[in-house]
């Protein structure tokens, strides 16, 4: 195993099909090579984001908390 995890969220809220893999990845669900992000705060699984785009709006230098218990990052 490895010190990594991966997850797939279904596209329909409340639908079955979401998955989490602890200790690696399932290549059946990977669209591209695994990308690793260092934690900026391990207590909250917090990572740095270079930018976030929503439509035409771009915000730079953000942080995000990776949380599989919600439907958003």
C-alpha atoms as a PDB file:
ATOM      1  CA  UNK A   1       0.000   0.000   0.000  1.00  0.00           C
ATOM      2  CA  UNK A   2       0.900   3.642  -0.135  1.00  0.00           C
ATOM      3  CA  UNK A   3       0.140   6.756   1.876  1.00  0.00           C
ATOM      4  CA  UNK A   4      -2.371   7.943  -0.700  1.00  0.00           C
ATOM      5  CA  UNK A   5      -6.083   7.761  -1.286  1.00  0.00           C
ATOM      6  CA  UNK A   6      -8.394   8.449  -4.189  1.00  0.00           C
ATOM      7  CA  UNK A   7     -12.093   8.946  -4.602  1.00  0.00           C
ATOM      8  CA  UNK A   8     -14.736   9.110  -7.288  1.00  0.00           C
ATOM      9  CA  UNK A   9     -17.911  11.099  -6.703  1.00  0.00           C
ATOM     10  CA  UNK A  10     -21.048  10.208  -8.649  1.00  0.00           C
ATOM     11  CA  UNK A  11     -22.417  13.013 -10.814  1.00  0.00           C
ATOM     12  CA  UNK A  12     -25.931  12.727  -9.367  1.00  0.00           C
ATOM     13  CA  UNK A  13     -26.437  13.905  -5.773  1.00  0.00           C
ATOM     14  CA  UNK A  14     -27.674  11.091  -3.543  1.00  0.00           C
ATOM     15  CA  UNK A  15     -27.018   8.425  -6.174  1.00  0.00           C
ATOM     16  CA  UNK A  16     -25.043   5.277  -5.459  1.00  0.00           C
ATOM     17  CA  UNK A  17     -21.716   4.782  -7.185  1.00  0.00           C
ATOM     18  CA  UNK A  18     -19.251   7.007  -5.320  1.00  0.00           C
ATOM     19  CA  UNK A  19     -16.099   5.188  -4.250  1.00  0.00           C
ATOM     20  CA  UNK A  20     -13.053   5.756  -2.038  1.00  0.00           C
ATOM     21  CA  UNK A  21      -9.807   3.779  -2.194  1.00  0.00           C
ATOM     22  CA  UNK A  22      -7.461   3.930   0.791  1.00  0.00           C
ATOM     23  CA  UNK A  23      -3.810   3.112   0.172  1.00  0.00           C
ATOM     24  CA  UNK A  24      -3.697   3.691  -3.574  1.00  0.00           C
ATOM     25  CA  UNK A  25      -5.859   4.161  -6.643  1.00  0.00           C
ATOM     26  CA  UNK A  26      -8.167   2.045  -8.781  1.00  0.00           C
ATOM     27  CA  UNK A  27      -6.936   2.514 -12.367  1.00  0.00           C
ATOM     28  CA  UNK A  28     -10.436   1.662 -13.670  1.00  0.00           C
ATOM     29  CA  UNK A  29     -11.562   5.110 -12.490  1.00  0.00           C
ATOM     30  CA  UNK A  30      -8.459   7.170 -13.301  1.00  0.00           C
ATOM     31  CA  UNK A  31      -8.764   9.498 -16.303  1.00  0.00           C
ATOM     32  CA  UNK A  32      -5.154  10.639 -16.081  1.00  0.00           C
ATOM     33  CA  UNK A  33      -2.018   9.860 -14.088  1.00  0.00           C
ATOM     34  CA  UNK A  34      -2.286  10.355 -10.324  1.00  0.00           C
ATOM     35  CA  UNK A  35      -1.343  13.863  -9.230  1.00  0.00           C
ATOM     36  CA  UNK A  36      -0.002  14.436  -5.736  1.00  0.00           C
ATOM     37  CA  UNK A  37      -0.529  17.598  -3.676  1.00  0.00           C
ATOM     38  CA  UNK A  38       1.376  18.291  -0.456  1.00  0.00           C
ATOM     39  CA  UNK A  39      -0.768  19.108   2.563  1.00  0.00           C
ATOM     40  CA  UNK A  40      -0.461  22.674   3.825  1.00  0.00           C
ATOM     41  CA  UNK A  41      -2.311  21.661   7.015  1.00  0.00           C
ATOM     42  CA  UNK A  42      -2.519  17.902   7.647  1.00  0.00           C
ATOM     43  CA  UNK A  43      -5.064  18.339  10.449  1.00  0.00           C
ATOM     44  CA  UNK A  44      -7.685  19.397   7.869  1.00  0.00           C
ATOM     45  CA  UNK A  45      -6.343  17.721   4.671  1.00  0.00           C
ATOM     46  CA  UNK A  46      -5.777  21.271   3.414  1.00  0.00           C
ATOM     47  CA  UNK A  47      -4.014  21.821   0.073  1.00  0.00           C
ATOM     48  CA  UNK A  48      -2.912  24.926  -1.821  1.00  0.00           C
ATOM     49  CA  UNK A  49      -4.602  25.734  -5.128  1.00  0.00           C
ATOM     50  CA  UNK A  50      -2.905  27.836  -7.787  1.00  0.00           C
ATOM     51  CA  UNK A  51      -6.250  28.959  -9.173  1.00  0.00           C
ATOM     52  CA  UNK A  52      -9.955  28.144  -9.364  1.00  0.00           C
ATOM     53  CA  UNK A  53     -12.093  28.891 -12.422  1.00  0.00           C
ATOM     54  CA  UNK A  54     -15.877  29.216 -12.448  1.00  0.00           C
ATOM     55  CA  UNK A  55     -17.128  30.320 -15.831  1.00  0.00           C
ATOM     56  CA  UNK A  56     -15.075  33.383 -16.768  1.00  0.00           C
ATOM     57  CA  UNK A  57     -14.126  34.170 -13.150  1.00  0.00           C
ATOM     58  CA  UNK A  58     -10.645  33.113 -11.982  1.00  0.00           C
ATOM     59  CA  UNK A  59      -9.406  33.363  -8.389  1.00  0.00           C
ATOM     60  CA  UNK A  60      -5.752  32.690  -7.588  1.00  0.00           C
ATOM     61  CA  UNK A  61      -3.733  31.567  -4.554  1.00  0.00           C
ATOM     62  CA  UNK A  62      -6.427  29.686  -2.616  1.00  0.00           C
ATOM     63  CA  UNK A  63      -6.577  26.777  -0.211  1.00  0.00           C
ATOM     64  CA  UNK A  64      -9.018  23.875  -0.290  1.00  0.00           C
ATOM     65  CA  UNK A  65      -9.926  21.142   2.176  1.00  0.00           C
ATOM     66  CA  UNK A  66     -10.306  17.685   0.628  1.00  0.00           C
ATOM     67  CA  UNK A  67     -13.389  16.195   2.272  1.00  0.00           C
ATOM     68  CA  UNK A  68     -15.127  13.089   0.955  1.00  0.00           C
ATOM     69  CA  UNK A  69     -18.007  13.664   3.391  1.00  0.00           C
ATOM     70  CA  UNK A  70     -19.396  16.527   1.294  1.00  0.00           C
ATOM     71  CA  UNK A  71     -20.178  16.980  -2.379  1.00  0.00           C
ATOM     72  CA  UNK A  72     -17.869  19.984  -2.826  1.00  0.00           C
ATOM     73  CA  UNK A  73     -14.199  20.778  -2.353  1.00  0.00           C
END
